[in-house]
Amino acid sequence: MRELDVIIAKYQELRVQEIRCILATVVHVEGSSYRRAGARMLVDEYGNITGAISGGCLEGDALRKALYALDRQENKLVTYDTSDEDDAIIGAQLGCNGIIQVLFEPIDYTNRHNPCALLQAAAEQEVSLAISVVFDLNKTQNQLGTCLIANENQAVLGKQIQGNLHKVLLAKSKEVIKGGSSCFGKIEADENTHFVFIQQHQPPVKLILVGAGNDARILAQQADILGWRVTVMDGRPTHAKKERFVGSCQVILAKPEETLQNIQMDERTCFVLMSHNYNYDLSVLKLLLGNRAIPYIGILGPLKKYERMLNELADGGIEVSKEDLKKIHAPVGLEIGAETPAEIGLSILAEIQSVLNHKEPRPLKQKNEPIHDTKTNQFQKITL
């Protein structure tokens, strides 16, 4: 389950029990940090934490700050400088060398547009969204907080925002969704200066496993841990059983020609053909060819199997386009020396992750630049 889903589930539980809570969000990072902007944690009035805003170095002090803001019932922006080795509050010599801005927002259950309610609405959508969090680096000023979610058609849910700020947020949200990356902005509107983190929020990856063998059980479990939505399908009633699979994955008993009937595909829907039945896999592959939305098709098995498939497709008058050849990964997975089903699953998931993020897999030690693109951390001036 995704961290955001865990936070939302906890929020719903606390709301039913009428236990007060506060949401902490990393809204900006300058330099290095274990977690980036968009990391969140939920703290209840008893000090229980769900989620994380760091690797553990900030949570202790953040808990104290959260409870203080919860008691005051006001949004609060806190700055952590992990480059200060003499900082006794968060511990010396963390080695992160970053300045982290964390926004704390007490949750008002009576407000249907409170931050957690907005995050819940975003998580329920099957499309890319932009989540706007407005704050002020001058901590004496009002911290508006998580205020708006919008899709590419500018359908909006959120707080009532007066003046031009609302228009600017909407326009920039559309750019963020189209561009596929979050942004930090400085907005001068209605004689005020606002800082904003506009987060690109994507729906979870949909992983379709064609085949319900024992190796698929392990792969489904690994993908479930990542928070991906897993669907398993197989033509064998002995294998396509829900009780064989843990987590929330959907299990479908289907003939190969029925594969796509229950699948709503988008640009984050990935297929792995692993039925161990050559004809079943080939039949499903024929259905997937030409579908531009699908970014990834993996085929388990040796290269000879894939070559045989291509030959049979050609003999049947089916020409595989260059676009399809690019998205087909056969044999499936990265070369990491995988042998066991769990290791093979790891190699498959890593390859899918790299494809979706448009990254060429390589050791991080080969990078001469920072792990994350620091250029995108700069506040850009946003105007109408």
Protein backbone atom coordinates (compact mmCIF):
# COMPACT_ATOMS: atom_id res chain seq x y z
CA MET A 1 0.00 0.00 0.00
CA ARG A 2 1.24 3.48 -0.85
CA GLU A 3 2.30 5.67 2.05
CA LEU A 4 -0.40 8.17 1.12
CA ASP A 5 -3.06 5.44 1.29
CA VAL A 6 -1.80 4.43 4.74
CA ILE A 7 -2.02 8.05 5.92
CA ILE A 8 -5.54 8.40 4.54
CA ALA A 9 -6.65 5.15 6.18
CA LYS A 10 -5.30 6.40 9.50
CA TYR A 11 -7.03 9.74 9.04
CA GLN A 12 -10.35 7.99 8.49
CA GLU A 13 -9.81 5.90 11.62
CA LEU A 14 -8.96 8.94 13.74
CA ARG A 15 -11.93 10.88 12.39
CA VAL A 16 -14.33 8.12 13.40
CA GLN A 17 -12.78 8.01 16.88
CA GLU A 18 -12.75 11.83 17.05
CA ILE A 19 -9.05 11.87 17.89
CA ARG A 20 -7.34 15.12 16.95
CA CYS A 21 -4.48 14.95 14.43
CA ILE A 22 -2.16 17.10 12.37
CA LEU A 23 -0.60 16.65 8.95
CA ALA A 24 3.09 17.43 8.36
CA THR A 25 4.22 17.99 4.77
CA VAL A 26 7.69 18.62 3.37
CA VAL A 27 7.03 21.63 1.11
CA HIS A 28 10.57 22.49 0.03
CA VAL A 29 14.09 21.07 0.15
CA GLU A 30 17.27 22.94 -0.63
CA GLY A 31 20.26 20.64 -0.97
CA SER A 32 20.14 16.99 0.04
CA SER A 33 17.49 15.19 2.05
CA TYR A 34 16.37 11.59 2.54
CA ARG A 35 12.78 12.55 1.65
CA ARG A 36 11.79 15.10 -0.94
CA ALA A 37 8.98 17.64 -1.08
CA GLY A 38 5.63 15.88 -0.88
CA ALA A 39 6.66 13.50 1.91
CA ARG A 40 4.01 13.50 4.63
CA MET A 41 3.26 12.15 8.06
CA LEU A 42 0.15 12.22 10.23
CA VAL A 43 0.49 12.75 13.98
CA ASP A 44 -2.38 12.18 16.41
CA GLU A 45 -2.85 13.92 19.75
CA TYR A 46 -1.27 10.95 21.57
CA GLY A 47 1.96 11.25 19.58
CA ASN A 48 1.42 8.30 17.22
CA ILE A 49 3.01 8.82 13.80
CA THR A 50 1.88 7.48 10.42
CA GLY A 51 4.14 8.11 7.44
CA ALA A 52 7.53 9.84 7.48
CA ILE A 53 9.14 13.12 6.48
CA SER A 54 12.75 11.92 6.80
CA GLY A 55 14.81 8.84 7.40
CA GLY A 56 14.14 9.23 11.13
CA CYS A 57 16.36 12.20 11.97
CA LEU A 58 13.58 14.81 12.00
CA GLU A 59 10.66 12.88 13.41
CA GLY A 60 11.54 13.39 17.09
CA ASP A 61 11.58 17.17 16.96
CA ALA A 62 8.82 17.23 14.33
CA LEU A 63 6.59 15.35 16.77
CA ARG A 64 7.07 18.09 19.36
CA LYS A 65 6.41 20.81 16.79
CA ALA A 66 3.33 18.95 15.56
CA LEU A 67 1.80 18.65 19.02
CA TYR A 68 2.48 22.33 19.68
CA ALA A 69 0.77 23.38 16.45
CA LEU A 70 -2.07 20.97 17.17
CA ASP A 71 -2.57 22.55 20.58
CA ARG A 72 -2.52 26.04 19.06
CA GLN A 73 -4.78 24.92 16.18
CA GLU A 74 -2.85 26.91 13.63
CA ASN A 75 -0.72 26.09 10.62
CA LYS A 76 3.00 26.37 11.31
CA LEU A 77 6.06 26.32 9.03
CA VAL A 78 9.27 24.91 10.52
CA THR A 79 12.74 25.01 8.97
CA TYR A 80 15.28 22.22 9.56
CA ASP A 81 18.88 22.79 8.55
CA THR A 82 20.59 19.39 8.46
CA SER A 83 23.81 20.97 7.19
CA ASP A 84 24.38 22.51 10.63
CA GLU A 85 26.51 19.92 12.43
CA ASP A 86 26.18 21.86 15.71
CA ASP A 87 22.39 21.68 15.73
CA ALA A 88 21.56 19.87 18.95
CA ILE A 89 17.85 19.74 18.21
CA ILE A 90 17.92 17.29 15.34
CA GLY A 91 21.30 15.76 16.07
CA ALA A 92 24.79 16.55 14.85
CA GLN A 93 26.54 15.31 11.73
CA LEU A 94 23.53 13.89 9.90
CA GLY A 95 25.34 14.23 6.61
CA CYS A 96 22.23 15.28 4.66
CA ASN A 97 23.36 18.87 4.03
CA GLY A 98 19.90 20.15 3.27
CA ILE A 99 17.45 22.82 4.38
CA ILE A 100 13.99 21.36 4.76
CA GLN A 101 10.74 23.29 5.09
CA VAL A 102 7.96 21.37 6.86
CA LEU A 103 4.40 22.65 7.08
CA PHE A 104 2.19 21.48 9.96
CA GLU A 105 -1.59 21.63 9.44
CA PRO A 106 -4.07 20.72 12.19
CA ILE A 107 -7.01 18.76 10.78
CA ASP A 108 -10.52 20.12 11.24
CA TYR A 109 -12.92 17.21 10.72
CA THR A 110 -15.84 19.59 10.20
CA ASN A 111 -14.12 21.12 7.17
CA ARG A 112 -14.79 18.94 4.12
CA HIS A 113 -11.81 20.56 2.41
CA ASN A 114 -9.28 19.93 5.17
CA PRO A 115 -5.85 18.77 3.93
CA CYS A 116 -6.44 15.06 4.55
CA ALA A 117 -9.86 15.20 2.90
CA LEU A 118 -8.26 16.77 -0.17
CA LEU A 119 -5.56 14.10 -0.25
CA GLN A 120 -8.24 11.43 0.04
CA ALA A 121 -10.11 12.94 -2.91
CA ALA A 122 -6.87 12.98 -4.93
CA ALA A 123 -6.07 9.36 -4.09
CA GLU A 124 -9.49 8.26 -5.30
CA GLN A 125 -8.92 9.69 -8.78
CA GLU A 126 -7.59 7.64 -11.68
CA VAL A 127 -5.98 10.60 -13.44
CA SER A 128 -2.98 12.83 -12.89
CA LEU A 129 -3.64 15.77 -10.60
CA ALA A 130 -1.89 18.79 -9.15
CA ILE A 131 -2.00 19.43 -5.40
CA SER A 132 -1.26 23.02 -4.34
CA VAL A 133 0.26 23.77 -0.93
CA VAL A 134 0.66 27.49 -0.25
CA PHE A 135 3.01 28.74 2.47
CA ASP A 136 5.04 31.77 3.47
CA LEU A 137 8.76 31.70 4.29
CA ASN A 138 8.04 34.59 6.63
CA LYS A 139 6.80 32.44 9.48
CA THR A 140 4.92 35.33 11.08
CA GLN A 141 2.50 35.34 8.15
CA ASN A 142 -0.55 33.16 7.63
CA GLN A 143 0.23 29.71 6.23
CA LEU A 144 -2.62 28.84 3.86
CA GLY A 145 -1.50 25.23 3.48
CA THR A 146 -2.93 22.43 1.35
CA CYS A 147 -5.67 24.28 -0.45
CA LEU A 148 -6.40 23.01 -3.95
CA ILE A 149 -6.41 19.95 -6.19
CA ALA A 150 -7.02 20.21 -9.91
CA ASN A 151 -6.92 18.01 -13.00
CA GLU A 152 -5.82 18.98 -16.50
CA ASN A 153 -9.34 20.21 -17.30
CA GLN A 154 -9.11 22.48 -14.24
CA ALA A 155 -11.87 20.70 -12.37
CA VAL A 156 -11.24 21.92 -8.86
CA LEU A 157 -11.73 20.85 -5.28
CA GLY A 158 -10.46 22.87 -2.36
CA LYS A 159 -10.66 25.94 -0.21
CA GLN A 160 -12.19 29.22 -1.29
CA ILE A 161 -9.26 31.37 -2.42
CA GLN A 162 -9.91 35.00 -3.14
CA GLY A 163 -8.43 37.12 -5.90
CA ASN A 164 -5.82 36.29 -8.50
CA LEU A 165 -4.05 33.64 -6.42
CA HIS A 166 -6.74 31.13 -7.35
CA LYS A 167 -6.33 31.86 -11.08
CA VAL A 168 -2.55 31.58 -10.91
CA LEU A 169 -2.70 28.26 -9.06
CA LEU A 170 -5.12 26.83 -11.61
CA ALA A 171 -3.02 27.91 -14.58
CA LYS A 172 0.20 26.54 -13.08
CA SER A 173 -1.51 23.31 -12.01
CA LYS A 174 -2.37 22.63 -15.63
CA GLU A 175 1.28 23.17 -16.61
CA VAL A 176 2.48 20.82 -13.86
CA ILE A 177 0.18 18.02 -15.02
CA LYS A 178 1.12 18.49 -18.65
CA GLY A 179 4.83 18.73 -17.89
CA GLY A 180 4.82 15.72 -15.60
CA SER A 181 6.80 17.22 -12.72
CA SER A 182 6.15 19.18 -9.55
CA CYS A 183 7.25 22.78 -9.13
CA PHE A 184 8.00 25.45 -6.54
CA GLY A 185 6.71 28.92 -7.20
CA LYS A 186 6.74 32.46 -5.92
CA ILE A 187 3.47 34.22 -6.66
CA GLU A 188 2.86 37.92 -6.31
CA ALA A 189 -0.89 38.39 -6.30
CA ASP A 190 -3.22 40.93 -4.74
CA GLU A 191 -0.29 42.87 -3.22
CA ASN A 192 0.93 39.77 -1.37
CA THR A 193 3.78 37.34 -1.95
CA HIS A 194 3.02 33.62 -1.67
CA PHE A 195 5.26 30.59 -1.96
CA VAL A 196 3.72 27.42 -3.33
CA PHE A 197 4.58 23.78 -3.81
CA ILE A 198 2.48 22.35 -6.64
CA GLN A 199 2.84 18.59 -6.50
CA GLN A 200 2.17 16.40 -9.47
CA HIS A 201 0.13 13.49 -8.14
CA GLN A 202 -0.12 10.37 -10.26
CA PRO A 203 -2.46 7.42 -9.80
CA PRO A 204 -0.77 4.19 -8.71
CA VAL A 205 0.89 1.91 -11.24
CA LYS A 206 -1.42 -0.79 -12.55
CA LEU A 207 0.46 -4.06 -12.94
CA ILE A 208 -1.28 -6.78 -14.93
CA LEU A 209 0.22 -10.22 -14.43
CA VAL A 210 -0.80 -12.66 -17.14
CA GLY A 211 -0.29 -15.93 -15.34
CA ALA A 212 -1.04 -17.04 -11.79
CA GLY A 213 1.86 -19.36 -11.09
CA ASN A 214 3.93 -19.39 -7.92
CA ASP A 215 6.34 -16.82 -9.32
CA ALA A 216 3.40 -14.50 -10.04
CA ARG A 217 2.34 -14.83 -6.39
CA ILE A 218 5.69 -13.49 -5.26
CA LEU A 219 5.77 -10.72 -7.85
CA ALA A 220 2.23 -9.66 -6.90
CA GLN A 221 3.23 -9.47 -3.24
CA GLN A 222 6.30 -7.36 -4.03
CA ALA A 223 4.29 -4.97 -6.20
CA ASP A 224 1.62 -4.69 -3.50
CA ILE A 225 4.29 -3.50 -1.05
CA LEU A 226 5.14 -0.73 -3.52
CA GLY A 227 1.50 0.34 -3.52
CA TRP A 228 0.88 -0.76 -7.09
CA ARG A 229 -2.56 -2.04 -8.04
CA VAL A 230 -2.11 -5.60 -9.15
CA THR A 231 -4.40 -7.68 -11.32
CA VAL A 232 -3.64 -11.35 -11.93
CA MET A 233 -5.33 -13.33 -14.67
CA ASP A 234 -5.07 -16.92 -15.76
CA GLY A 235 -7.15 -19.45 -17.66
CA ARG A 236 -6.59 -22.18 -15.07
CA PRO A 237 -9.22 -22.35 -12.31
CA THR A 238 -6.70 -24.17 -10.11
CA HIS A 239 -4.40 -21.15 -10.22
CA ALA A 240 -6.68 -18.14 -10.59
CA LYS A 241 -7.87 -18.19 -6.98
CA LYS A 242 -7.95 -15.13 -4.74
CA GLU A 243 -6.81 -17.11 -1.70
CA ARG A 244 -3.49 -17.85 -3.42
CA PHE A 245 -2.62 -14.15 -3.48
CA VAL A 246 -2.05 -11.84 -0.53
CA GLY A 247 -2.81 -8.16 -0.44
CA SER A 248 -5.44 -6.34 -2.41
CA CYS A 249 -4.70 -7.74 -5.86
CA GLN A 250 -7.58 -8.68 -8.11
CA VAL A 251 -7.61 -12.23 -9.49
CA ILE A 252 -9.48 -12.97 -12.72
CA LEU A 253 -10.18 -16.33 -14.36
CA ALA A 254 -10.17 -15.59 -18.07
CA LYS A 255 -9.36 -16.91 -21.50
CA PRO A 256 -6.59 -14.98 -23.26
CA GLU A 257 -9.02 -13.22 -25.60
CA GLU A 258 -10.88 -11.91 -22.53
CA THR A 259 -7.78 -10.34 -20.98
CA LEU A 260 -8.59 -6.71 -21.69
CA GLN A 261 -12.30 -6.83 -20.90
CA ASN A 262 -11.85 -5.97 -17.23
CA ILE A 263 -8.84 -3.68 -17.55
CA GLN A 264 -9.10 0.10 -17.75
CA MET A 265 -5.78 1.00 -19.31
CA ASP A 266 -3.81 4.21 -19.07
CA GLU A 267 -0.22 5.40 -19.40
CA ARG A 268 0.69 3.67 -16.10
CA THR A 269 -0.72 0.24 -16.95
CA CYS A 270 2.06 -2.33 -17.32
CA PHE A 271 1.82 -5.95 -18.41
CA VAL A 272 4.03 -8.93 -17.60
CA LEU A 273 3.30 -12.10 -19.58
CA MET A 274 4.29 -15.00 -17.35
CA SER A 275 1.70 -17.75 -17.76
CA HIS A 276 4.35 -20.34 -18.73
CA ASN A 277 1.99 -21.18 -21.56
CA TYR A 278 3.43 -20.06 -24.87
CA ASN A 279 0.12 -19.85 -26.74
CA TYR A 280 -1.61 -18.00 -23.89
CA ASP A 281 1.15 -15.39 -23.73
CA LEU A 282 1.21 -15.01 -27.52
CA SER A 283 -2.55 -14.52 -27.67
CA VAL A 284 -2.39 -11.77 -25.05
CA LEU A 285 0.57 -10.11 -26.77
CA LYS A 286 -1.49 -9.83 -29.98
CA LEU A 287 -4.14 -7.93 -28.03
CA LEU A 288 -1.62 -5.49 -26.60
CA LEU A 289 0.08 -4.57 -29.85
CA GLY A 290 -0.86 -1.15 -31.15
CA ASN A 291 -2.17 0.15 -27.83
CA ARG A 292 -0.36 3.45 -27.39
CA ALA A 293 -1.39 3.93 -23.78
CA ILE A 294 0.56 0.92 -22.52
CA PRO A 295 4.15 1.92 -21.58
CA TYR A 296 5.55 -1.51 -20.76
CA ILE A 297 5.11 -5.13 -21.86
CA GLY A 298 7.40 -7.69 -20.23
CA ILE A 299 7.67 -11.27 -21.41
CA LEU A 300 9.09 -13.89 -19.08
CA GLY A 301 11.29 -16.52 -20.67
CA PRO A 302 14.37 -16.85 -22.84
CA LEU A 303 15.15 -14.74 -25.88
CA LYS A 304 14.34 -17.69 -28.15
CA LYS A 305 10.74 -17.61 -26.95
CA TYR A 306 10.40 -13.96 -27.89
CA GLU A 307 12.04 -14.51 -31.27
CA ARG A 308 9.62 -17.35 -31.94
CA MET A 309 6.73 -15.04 -31.10
CA LEU A 310 7.95 -12.39 -33.53
CA ASN A 311 8.35 -14.99 -36.26
CA GLU A 312 4.86 -16.38 -35.74
CA LEU A 313 3.39 -12.90 -35.71
CA ALA A 314 5.15 -12.13 -39.00
CA ASP A 315 3.95 -15.41 -40.51
CA GLY A 316 0.43 -14.40 -39.54
CA GLY A 317 0.77 -11.05 -41.29
CA ILE A 318 1.18 -9.05 -38.08
CA GLU A 319 3.97 -6.49 -38.22
CA VAL A 320 5.19 -5.29 -34.84
CA SER A 321 5.72 -1.54 -34.97
CA LYS A 322 8.89 0.18 -33.80
CA GLU A 323 6.87 1.76 -31.00
CA ASP A 324 5.74 -1.65 -29.77
CA LEU A 325 9.23 -3.13 -30.09
CA LYS A 326 10.52 -0.33 -27.88
CA LYS A 327 8.01 -1.02 -25.10
CA ILE A 328 8.39 -4.83 -25.20
CA HIS A 329 11.00 -6.10 -22.73
CA ALA A 330 11.96 -9.67 -23.46
CA PRO A 331 13.51 -11.32 -21.61
CA VAL A 332 11.84 -9.29 -18.88
CA GLY A 333 13.81 -7.59 -16.09
CA LEU A 334 17.17 -5.98 -15.46
CA GLU A 335 20.44 -7.90 -15.45
CA ILE A 336 21.20 -8.17 -11.74
CA GLY A 337 22.11 -11.85 -11.56
CA ALA A 338 18.60 -12.86 -10.50
CA GLU A 339 17.96 -16.58 -9.98
CA THR A 340 15.15 -17.08 -7.47
CA PRO A 341 11.52 -15.96 -8.09
CA ALA A 342 11.94 -13.14 -5.57
CA GLU A 343 15.14 -11.94 -7.23
CA ILE A 344 13.51 -12.12 -10.65
CA GLY A 345 10.56 -10.17 -9.29
CA LEU A 346 12.95 -7.51 -8.01
CA SER A 347 14.57 -7.20 -11.43
CA ILE A 348 11.16 -6.88 -13.12
CA LEU A 349 9.86 -4.20 -10.77
CA ALA A 350 13.09 -2.22 -11.02
CA GLU A 351 12.88 -2.28 -14.81
CA ILE A 352 9.26 -1.13 -14.81
CA GLN A 353 10.12 1.69 -12.38
CA SER A 354 12.95 2.86 -14.61
CA VAL A 355 10.75 2.80 -17.72
CA LEU A 356 7.94 4.76 -16.09
CA ASN A 357 10.40 7.37 -14.79
CA HIS A 358 12.31 7.53 -18.09
CA LYS A 359 15.57 6.62 -16.37
CA GLU A 360 18.40 4.51 -17.73
CA PRO A 361 19.31 2.04 -14.95
CA ARG A 362 22.83 2.49 -13.61
CA PRO A 363 24.61 2.58 -10.25
CA LEU A 364 24.17 5.87 -8.44
CA LYS A 365 27.90 6.00 -7.77
CA GLN A 366 28.36 6.62 -11.49
CA LYS A 367 26.47 9.91 -11.23
CA ASN A 368 28.67 12.97 -10.96
CA GLU A 369 25.72 15.19 -10.10
CA PRO A 370 23.29 15.08 -7.16
CA ILE A 371 20.85 12.16 -6.98
CA HIS A 372 17.91 14.53 -7.40
CA ASP A 373 17.74 17.40 -9.87
CA THR A 374 18.45 20.45 -7.71
CA LYS A 375 17.48 22.84 -10.52
CA THR A 376 13.82 22.00 -9.98
CA ASN A 377 14.12 23.06 -6.31
CA GLN A 378 14.36 26.73 -7.20
CA PHE A 379 11.36 28.98 -6.68
CA GLN A 380 10.21 30.26 -10.04
CA LYS A 381 8.23 33.44 -10.38
CA ILE A 382 4.68 32.59 -11.44
CA THR A 383 2.41 35.18 -13.00
CA LEU A 384 -0.85 35.16 -14.93
